[in-house]
Amino acid sequence: MLAGDYSGNRILKAAELVRQGFATQALIDGPGEAYGLHESDLAIPFAVRHGYPESYFVPFPNDARSTDAEADAVLAELRRRKLYRIDIVTSDFHTRRAEKIFRSKARDIEIHMVAARDRDFTPDGWWKTRDGKKVFATEWTKTVASWLGL
């Protein structure tokens, strides 16, 4: 599960995939940015409070601050664990850019993207709310920056 979702939808989607048998555990990416805690330190207890066993999750604290750096860290960990077929859970608005980045760095790994609903973004109405517009603008800014190699 990629970091960057502060509503909990990504971790709950990852937990549901484990519950349904698509994976034995979920690697929970967790950059450290919130009061000295890694996002995985916050996400896993959130999922446990929602009824999922802690054993479903493997915390992966790291210091990545972009999807590109996150891909480097996550892919190195997956290779270390000898995992070559993965589902990547991220927010629905982020799947295209994340998939492109991960696939460009991991031709040796079979990647399946899994979209989690986002609290602030809906494909059929993002323009109706201020937060939806911000998510759209931010993601497109990052997409264009990625195209430009920034």
N, C-alpha and C. Protein backbone atom coordinates (compact mmCIF):
# COMPACT_ATOMS: atom_id res chain seq x y z
N MET A 1 0.84 -1.16 0.00
CA MET A 1 0.00 0.00 0.00
C MET A 1 0.89 1.23 0.00
N LEU A 2 0.63 2.14 -0.93
CA LEU A 2 1.42 3.36 -0.99
C LEU A 2 0.93 4.36 0.06
N ALA A 3 1.85 5.13 0.55
CA ALA A 3 1.54 6.14 1.56
C ALA A 3 0.84 7.34 0.89
N GLY A 4 0.31 8.21 1.72
CA GLY A 4 -0.26 9.46 1.22
C GLY A 4 -1.76 9.59 1.37
N ASP A 5 -2.38 8.65 2.06
CA ASP A 5 -3.83 8.71 2.27
C ASP A 5 -4.09 8.91 3.75
N TYR A 6 -4.63 10.05 4.10
CA TYR A 6 -4.82 10.34 5.51
C TYR A 6 -6.25 10.09 5.98
N SER A 7 -7.06 9.49 5.11
CA SER A 7 -8.43 9.14 5.51
C SER A 7 -8.55 7.67 5.87
N GLY A 8 -7.56 6.85 5.49
CA GLY A 8 -7.57 5.43 5.82
C GLY A 8 -8.14 4.53 4.74
N ASN A 9 -8.59 5.07 3.63
CA ASN A 9 -9.19 4.23 2.60
C ASN A 9 -8.20 3.26 1.96
N ARG A 10 -6.95 3.69 1.80
CA ARG A 10 -5.96 2.79 1.19
C ARG A 10 -5.69 1.59 2.08
N ILE A 11 -5.47 1.81 3.36
CA ILE A 11 -5.16 0.67 4.22
C ILE A 11 -6.36 -0.25 4.38
N LEU A 12 -7.54 0.30 4.40
CA LEU A 12 -8.72 -0.56 4.51
C LEU A 12 -8.91 -1.39 3.24
N LYS A 13 -8.57 -0.83 2.09
CA LYS A 13 -8.63 -1.57 0.83
C LYS A 13 -7.57 -2.68 0.85
N ALA A 14 -6.36 -2.37 1.30
CA ALA A 14 -5.31 -3.38 1.39
C ALA A 14 -5.71 -4.50 2.35
N ALA A 15 -6.30 -4.13 3.47
CA ALA A 15 -6.74 -5.13 4.45
C ALA A 15 -7.81 -6.04 3.86
N GLU A 16 -8.70 -5.45 3.09
CA GLU A 16 -9.76 -6.25 2.47
C GLU A 16 -9.18 -7.22 1.44
N LEU A 17 -8.15 -6.82 0.72
CA LEU A 17 -7.50 -7.73 -0.23
C LEU A 17 -6.88 -8.92 0.49
N VAL A 18 -6.27 -8.67 1.66
CA VAL A 18 -5.71 -9.77 2.45
C VAL A 18 -6.85 -10.66 2.95
N ARG A 19 -7.90 -10.06 3.47
CA ARG A 19 -9.04 -10.83 3.97
C ARG A 19 -9.64 -11.72 2.87
N GLN A 20 -9.68 -11.20 1.64
CA GLN A 20 -10.25 -11.95 0.53
C GLN A 20 -9.28 -12.98 -0.07
N GLY A 21 -8.05 -13.02 0.44
CA GLY A 21 -7.09 -14.02 -0.01
C GLY A 21 -6.24 -13.63 -1.21
N PHE A 22 -6.28 -12.37 -1.62
CA PHE A 22 -5.45 -11.93 -2.74
C PHE A 22 -3.98 -11.82 -2.36
N ALA A 23 -3.71 -11.70 -1.06
CA ALA A 23 -2.35 -11.62 -0.54
C ALA A 23 -2.34 -12.20 0.87
N THR A 24 -1.16 -12.64 1.31
CA THR A 24 -1.06 -13.15 2.67
C THR A 24 -0.85 -12.02 3.67
N GLN A 25 -0.22 -10.94 3.22
CA GLN A 25 -0.01 -9.76 4.05
C GLN A 25 0.11 -8.55 3.14
N ALA A 26 -0.02 -7.36 3.74
CA ALA A 26 0.13 -6.12 3.01
C ALA A 26 1.33 -5.36 3.57
N LEU A 27 2.24 -4.98 2.67
CA LEU A 27 3.38 -4.15 3.04
C LEU A 27 2.87 -2.71 3.09
N ILE A 28 2.95 -2.09 4.26
CA ILE A 28 2.39 -0.76 4.46
C ILE A 28 3.51 0.27 4.44
N ASP A 29 3.57 0.98 3.32
CA ASP A 29 4.59 2.01 3.14
C ASP A 29 4.34 3.13 4.15
N GLY A 30 5.39 3.68 4.68
CA GLY A 30 5.18 4.70 5.70
C GLY A 30 6.30 5.69 5.86
N PRO A 31 6.31 6.72 5.03
CA PRO A 31 7.26 7.80 5.26
C PRO A 31 7.01 8.47 6.61
N GLY A 32 8.04 9.01 7.20
CA GLY A 32 7.91 9.67 8.49
C GLY A 32 7.76 11.16 8.34
N GLU A 33 6.58 11.68 8.62
CA GLU A 33 6.35 13.11 8.48
C GLU A 33 5.48 13.70 9.57
N ALA A 34 4.75 12.89 10.30
CA ALA A 34 3.77 13.41 11.24
C ALA A 34 4.27 13.29 12.67
N TYR A 35 4.78 14.38 13.21
CA TYR A 35 5.23 14.42 14.61
C TYR A 35 6.21 13.30 14.94
N GLY A 36 7.10 13.02 14.00
CA GLY A 36 8.11 11.99 14.23
C GLY A 36 7.63 10.57 14.04
N LEU A 37 6.40 10.39 13.59
CA LEU A 37 5.85 9.06 13.34
C LEU A 37 5.85 8.77 11.85
N HIS A 38 6.00 7.52 11.52
CA HIS A 38 5.86 7.09 10.13
C HIS A 38 4.39 6.86 9.86
N GLU A 39 4.00 7.06 8.61
CA GLU A 39 2.59 6.86 8.27
C GLU A 39 2.14 5.44 8.59
N SER A 40 3.02 4.46 8.41
CA SER A 40 2.65 3.07 8.74
C SER A 40 2.36 2.91 10.23
N ASP A 41 3.00 3.72 11.08
CA ASP A 41 2.73 3.68 12.52
C ASP A 41 1.31 4.14 12.85
N LEU A 42 0.74 4.93 11.99
CA LEU A 42 -0.62 5.44 12.19
C LEU A 42 -1.65 4.59 11.45
N ALA A 43 -1.29 4.13 10.25
CA ALA A 43 -2.25 3.42 9.41
C ALA A 43 -2.61 2.04 9.97
N ILE A 44 -1.62 1.30 10.43
CA ILE A 44 -1.89 -0.06 10.92
C ILE A 44 -2.83 -0.05 12.12
N PRO A 45 -2.58 0.75 13.16
CA PRO A 45 -3.55 0.79 14.27
C PRO A 45 -4.95 1.23 13.82
N PHE A 46 -5.02 2.10 12.83
CA PHE A 46 -6.31 2.52 12.28
C PHE A 46 -7.07 1.32 11.73
N ALA A 47 -6.38 0.49 10.95
CA ALA A 47 -7.02 -0.70 10.37
C ALA A 47 -7.41 -1.70 11.45
N VAL A 48 -6.58 -1.83 12.47
CA VAL A 48 -6.89 -2.74 13.59
C VAL A 48 -8.16 -2.26 14.29
N ARG A 49 -8.28 -0.94 14.51
CA ARG A 49 -9.50 -0.40 15.12
C ARG A 49 -10.74 -0.66 14.26
N HIS A 50 -10.52 -0.89 12.96
CA HIS A 50 -11.63 -1.19 12.05
C HIS A 50 -11.85 -2.70 11.88
N GLY A 51 -11.24 -3.49 12.76
CA GLY A 51 -11.55 -4.91 12.80
C GLY A 51 -10.61 -5.85 12.07
N TYR A 52 -9.50 -5.34 11.56
CA TYR A 52 -8.56 -6.20 10.85
C TYR A 52 -7.42 -6.59 11.79
N PRO A 53 -6.96 -7.84 11.73
CA PRO A 53 -5.87 -8.26 12.62
C PRO A 53 -4.54 -7.61 12.23
N GLU A 54 -3.75 -7.29 13.23
CA GLU A 54 -2.44 -6.67 12.99
C GLU A 54 -1.56 -7.58 12.13
N SER A 55 -1.78 -8.87 12.20
CA SER A 55 -0.97 -9.83 11.44
C SER A 55 -1.13 -9.67 9.93
N TYR A 56 -2.14 -8.95 9.48
CA TYR A 56 -2.34 -8.70 8.05
C TYR A 56 -1.27 -7.76 7.48
N PHE A 57 -0.59 -7.02 8.35
CA PHE A 57 0.23 -5.90 7.89
C PHE A 57 1.70 -6.06 8.24
N VAL A 58 2.53 -5.57 7.32
CA VAL A 58 3.97 -5.50 7.53
C VAL A 58 4.34 -4.02 7.41
N PRO A 59 4.74 -3.39 8.51
CA PRO A 59 5.11 -1.97 8.41
C PRO A 59 6.40 -1.81 7.62
N PHE A 60 6.44 -0.78 6.80
CA PHE A 60 7.65 -0.48 6.03
C PHE A 60 7.97 1.01 6.17
N PRO A 61 8.50 1.39 7.34
CA PRO A 61 8.87 2.80 7.53
C PRO A 61 10.04 3.17 6.62
N ASN A 62 9.99 4.35 6.05
CA ASN A 62 11.06 4.83 5.18
C ASN A 62 11.00 6.35 5.14
N ASP A 63 11.88 6.94 4.37
CA ASP A 63 11.94 8.40 4.32
C ASP A 63 11.62 8.95 2.93
N ALA A 64 10.92 8.19 2.09
CA ALA A 64 10.57 8.65 0.74
C ALA A 64 9.64 9.86 0.83
N ARG A 65 9.87 10.83 -0.06
CA ARG A 65 9.04 12.03 -0.05
C ARG A 65 8.41 12.30 -1.41
N SER A 66 8.43 11.29 -2.28
CA SER A 66 7.78 11.39 -3.59
C SER A 66 7.41 9.98 -4.04
N THR A 67 6.53 9.89 -5.02
CA THR A 67 6.17 8.57 -5.53
C THR A 67 7.38 7.91 -6.16
N ASP A 68 8.23 8.68 -6.80
CA ASP A 68 9.44 8.14 -7.42
C ASP A 68 10.37 7.53 -6.36
N ALA A 69 10.63 8.26 -5.29
CA ALA A 69 11.47 7.74 -4.21
C ALA A 69 10.79 6.58 -3.50
N GLU A 70 9.49 6.67 -3.37
CA GLU A 70 8.71 5.60 -2.75
C GLU A 70 8.85 4.31 -3.58
N ALA A 71 8.78 4.44 -4.90
CA ALA A 71 8.93 3.27 -5.78
C ALA A 71 10.30 2.64 -5.58
N ASP A 72 11.34 3.45 -5.52
CA ASP A 72 12.70 2.91 -5.30
C ASP A 72 12.76 2.11 -4.01
N ALA A 73 12.25 2.68 -2.94
CA ALA A 73 12.31 2.02 -1.63
C ALA A 73 11.46 0.75 -1.59
N VAL A 74 10.23 0.84 -2.07
CA VAL A 74 9.31 -0.29 -2.04
C VAL A 74 9.83 -1.42 -2.93
N LEU A 75 10.27 -1.09 -4.13
CA LEU A 75 10.74 -2.13 -5.04
C LEU A 75 11.99 -2.83 -4.51
N ALA A 76 12.88 -2.08 -3.87
CA ALA A 76 14.06 -2.72 -3.26
C ALA A 76 13.64 -3.69 -2.17
N GLU A 77 12.65 -3.31 -1.39
CA GLU A 77 12.15 -4.19 -0.33
C GLU A 77 11.46 -5.42 -0.91
N LEU A 78 10.69 -5.24 -1.96
CA LEU A 78 10.01 -6.38 -2.59
C LEU A 78 11.03 -7.36 -3.16
N ARG A 79 12.05 -6.83 -3.81
CA ARG A 79 13.10 -7.71 -4.36
C ARG A 79 13.84 -8.42 -3.24
N ARG A 80 14.10 -7.71 -2.16
CA ARG A 80 14.77 -8.34 -1.01
C ARG A 80 13.94 -9.50 -0.48
N ARG A 81 12.63 -9.34 -0.52
CA ARG A 81 11.72 -10.40 -0.04
C ARG A 81 11.40 -11.43 -1.13
N LYS A 82 11.99 -11.23 -2.33
CA LYS A 82 11.78 -12.12 -3.47
C LYS A 82 10.30 -12.20 -3.89
N LEU A 83 9.66 -11.03 -3.93
CA LEU A 83 8.27 -10.92 -4.37
C LEU A 83 8.25 -10.32 -5.76
N TYR A 84 7.67 -11.03 -6.71
CA TYR A 84 7.70 -10.59 -8.10
C TYR A 84 6.31 -10.52 -8.74
N ARG A 85 5.29 -10.60 -7.93
CA ARG A 85 3.91 -10.42 -8.40
C ARG A 85 3.17 -9.68 -7.29
N ILE A 86 2.77 -8.44 -7.58
CA ILE A 86 2.23 -7.60 -6.51
C ILE A 86 0.99 -6.83 -6.93
N ASP A 87 0.18 -6.50 -5.94
CA ASP A 87 -0.92 -5.56 -6.10
C ASP A 87 -0.49 -4.29 -5.37
N ILE A 88 -0.59 -3.17 -6.05
CA ILE A 88 -0.26 -1.89 -5.43
C ILE A 88 -1.55 -1.14 -5.17
N VAL A 89 -1.83 -0.85 -3.91
CA VAL A 89 -3.03 -0.11 -3.54
C VAL A 89 -2.66 1.36 -3.40
N THR A 90 -3.42 2.19 -4.09
CA THR A 90 -3.27 3.64 -3.97
C THR A 90 -4.62 4.28 -4.26
N SER A 91 -4.72 5.57 -4.08
CA SER A 91 -5.98 6.27 -4.34
C SER A 91 -6.31 6.24 -5.82
N ASP A 92 -7.60 6.26 -6.13
CA ASP A 92 -8.05 6.15 -7.52
C ASP A 92 -7.43 7.21 -8.43
N PHE A 93 -7.28 8.43 -7.96
CA PHE A 93 -6.71 9.49 -8.78
C PHE A 93 -5.21 9.31 -9.03
N HIS A 94 -4.56 8.46 -8.27
CA HIS A 94 -3.11 8.32 -8.29
C HIS A 94 -2.64 7.08 -9.05
N THR A 95 -3.56 6.22 -9.47
CA THR A 95 -3.16 4.94 -10.04
C THR A 95 -2.36 5.09 -11.34
N ARG A 96 -2.75 5.97 -12.20
CA ARG A 96 -2.08 6.08 -13.51
C ARG A 96 -0.62 6.51 -13.35
N ARG A 97 -0.39 7.56 -12.61
CA ARG A 97 0.98 8.07 -12.45
C ARG A 97 1.83 7.07 -11.66
N ALA A 98 1.27 6.51 -10.59
CA ALA A 98 2.02 5.54 -9.80
C ALA A 98 2.36 4.30 -10.62
N GLU A 99 1.40 3.83 -11.40
CA GLU A 99 1.66 2.65 -12.24
C GLU A 99 2.79 2.91 -13.22
N LYS A 100 2.77 4.07 -13.85
CA LYS A 100 3.83 4.40 -14.82
C LYS A 100 5.20 4.41 -14.15
N ILE A 101 5.28 5.01 -12.98
CA ILE A 101 6.55 5.09 -12.26
C ILE A 101 7.03 3.70 -11.86
N PHE A 102 6.14 2.92 -11.25
CA PHE A 102 6.53 1.58 -10.79
C PHE A 102 6.91 0.68 -11.97
N ARG A 103 6.14 0.70 -13.05
CA ARG A 103 6.44 -0.16 -14.20
C ARG A 103 7.77 0.22 -14.85
N SER A 104 8.09 1.50 -14.87
CA SER A 104 9.36 1.92 -15.49
C SER A 104 10.56 1.44 -14.67
N LYS A 105 10.37 1.18 -13.40
CA LYS A 105 11.46 0.77 -12.52
C LYS A 105 11.46 -0.73 -12.22
N ALA A 106 10.41 -1.44 -12.68
CA ALA A 106 10.26 -2.84 -12.26
C ALA A 106 9.76 -3.71 -13.40
N ARG A 107 10.54 -3.82 -14.42
CA ARG A 107 10.14 -4.69 -15.53
C ARG A 107 10.17 -6.16 -15.12
N ASP A 108 10.83 -6.47 -14.01
CA ASP A 108 10.94 -7.85 -13.52
C ASP A 108 9.81 -8.23 -12.57
N ILE A 109 8.90 -7.30 -12.28
CA ILE A 109 7.82 -7.55 -11.32
C ILE A 109 6.48 -7.37 -12.02
N GLU A 110 5.58 -8.34 -11.81
CA GLU A 110 4.22 -8.24 -12.34
C GLU A 110 3.42 -7.34 -11.40
N ILE A 111 2.93 -6.24 -11.92
CA ILE A 111 2.27 -5.23 -11.12
C ILE A 111 0.79 -5.13 -11.49
N HIS A 112 -0.05 -5.13 -10.47
CA HIS A 112 -1.48 -4.89 -10.63
C HIS A 112 -1.85 -3.70 -9.75
N MET A 113 -2.47 -2.71 -10.33
CA MET A 113 -2.87 -1.54 -9.56
C MET A 113 -4.28 -1.76 -9.01
N VAL A 114 -4.47 -1.35 -7.75
CA VAL A 114 -5.76 -1.45 -7.10
C VAL A 114 -6.13 -0.06 -6.59
N ALA A 115 -7.26 0.43 -7.06
CA ALA A 115 -7.70 1.78 -6.70
C ALA A 115 -8.55 1.77 -5.43
N ALA A 116 -8.17 2.62 -4.51
CA ALA A 116 -8.98 2.84 -3.30
C ALA A 116 -9.71 4.17 -3.47
N ARG A 117 -10.95 4.20 -3.04
CA ARG A 117 -11.72 5.46 -3.08
C ARG A 117 -10.98 6.53 -2.30
N ASP A 118 -11.09 7.74 -2.76
CA ASP A 118 -10.50 8.85 -2.03
C ASP A 118 -11.62 9.68 -1.41
N ARG A 119 -11.38 10.17 -0.23
CA ARG A 119 -12.38 10.96 0.50
C ARG A 119 -12.74 12.24 -0.24
N ASP A 120 -11.77 12.86 -0.88
CA ASP A 120 -11.98 14.18 -1.47
C ASP A 120 -12.15 14.19 -2.98
N PHE A 121 -11.84 13.08 -3.64
CA PHE A 121 -11.88 13.04 -5.10
C PHE A 121 -12.85 11.98 -5.58
N THR A 122 -13.74 12.37 -6.48
CA THR A 122 -14.59 11.40 -7.17
C THR A 122 -14.48 11.71 -8.66
N PRO A 123 -14.27 10.70 -9.48
CA PRO A 123 -14.09 10.94 -10.92
C PRO A 123 -15.27 11.66 -11.56
N ASP A 124 -16.47 11.47 -11.03
CA ASP A 124 -17.65 12.08 -11.65
C ASP A 124 -18.11 13.37 -10.98
N GLY A 125 -17.28 13.93 -10.09
CA GLY A 125 -17.72 15.18 -9.45
C GLY A 125 -16.63 15.92 -8.70
N TRP A 126 -15.36 15.68 -9.03
CA TRP A 126 -14.26 16.32 -8.30
C TRP A 126 -14.33 17.84 -8.38
N TRP A 127 -14.90 18.37 -9.46
CA TRP A 127 -14.95 19.81 -9.68
C TRP A 127 -16.02 20.50 -8.83
N LYS A 128 -16.81 19.73 -8.09
CA LYS A 128 -17.89 20.30 -7.30
C LYS A 128 -17.48 20.73 -5.91
N THR A 129 -16.27 20.31 -5.48
CA THR A 129 -15.81 20.68 -4.14
C THR A 129 -14.42 21.29 -4.22
N ARG A 130 -14.13 22.14 -3.26
CA ARG A 130 -12.81 22.76 -3.21
C ARG A 130 -11.72 21.71 -3.05
N ASP A 131 -11.94 20.73 -2.15
CA ASP A 131 -10.93 19.70 -1.93
C ASP A 131 -10.74 18.82 -3.16
N GLY A 132 -11.82 18.52 -3.87
CA GLY A 132 -11.72 17.74 -5.10
C GLY A 132 -10.89 18.47 -6.15
N LYS A 133 -11.11 19.77 -6.27
CA LYS A 133 -10.33 20.58 -7.22
C LYS A 133 -8.85 20.60 -6.83
N LYS A 134 -8.57 20.68 -5.53
CA LYS A 134 -7.18 20.68 -5.07
C LYS A 134 -6.49 19.36 -5.38
N VAL A 135 -7.19 18.24 -5.15
CA VAL A 135 -6.61 16.93 -5.45
C VAL A 135 -6.31 16.84 -6.95
N PHE A 136 -7.27 17.24 -7.77
CA PHE A 136 -7.08 17.19 -9.22
C PHE A 136 -5.88 18.04 -9.64
N ALA A 137 -5.83 19.27 -9.18
CA ALA A 137 -4.75 20.18 -9.57
C ALA A 137 -3.39 19.67 -9.10
N THR A 138 -3.33 19.16 -7.89
CA THR A 138 -2.07 18.65 -7.37
C THR A 138 -1.59 17.43 -8.16
N GLU A 139 -2.50 16.49 -8.42
CA GLU A 139 -2.11 15.29 -9.16
C GLU A 139 -1.68 15.62 -10.58
N TRP A 140 -2.39 16.53 -11.25
CA TRP A 140 -2.00 16.90 -12.60
C TRP A 140 -0.69 17.67 -12.62
N THR A 141 -0.44 18.48 -11.61
CA THR A 141 0.84 19.17 -11.53
C THR A 141 1.98 18.15 -11.41
N LYS A 142 1.78 17.14 -10.57
CA LYS A 142 2.79 16.10 -10.40
C LYS A 142 2.93 15.26 -11.66
N THR A 143 1.84 15.02 -12.36
CA THR A 143 1.90 14.25 -13.61
C THR A 143 2.71 14.99 -14.66
N VAL A 144 2.44 16.27 -14.83
CA VAL A 144 3.19 17.08 -15.80
C VAL A 144 4.66 17.16 -15.39
N ALA A 145 4.92 17.36 -14.12
CA ALA A 145 6.31 17.38 -13.65
C ALA A 145 7.02 16.06 -13.95
N SER A 146 6.32 14.97 -13.80
CA SER A 146 6.87 13.66 -14.09
C SER A 146 7.19 13.53 -15.58
N TRP A 147 6.28 14.01 -16.44
CA TRP A 147 6.52 13.99 -17.88
C TRP A 147 7.76 14.79 -18.26
N LEU A 148 7.99 15.88 -17.52
CA LEU A 148 9.13 16.75 -17.79
C LEU A 148 10.42 16.27 -17.12
N GLY A 149 10.31 15.22 -16.35
CA GLY A 149 11.49 14.67 -15.68
C GLY A 149 11.90 15.47 -14.45
N LEU A 150 10.95 16.18 -13.86
CA LEU A 150 11.26 16.99 -12.68
C LEU A 150 11.03 16.21 -11.39
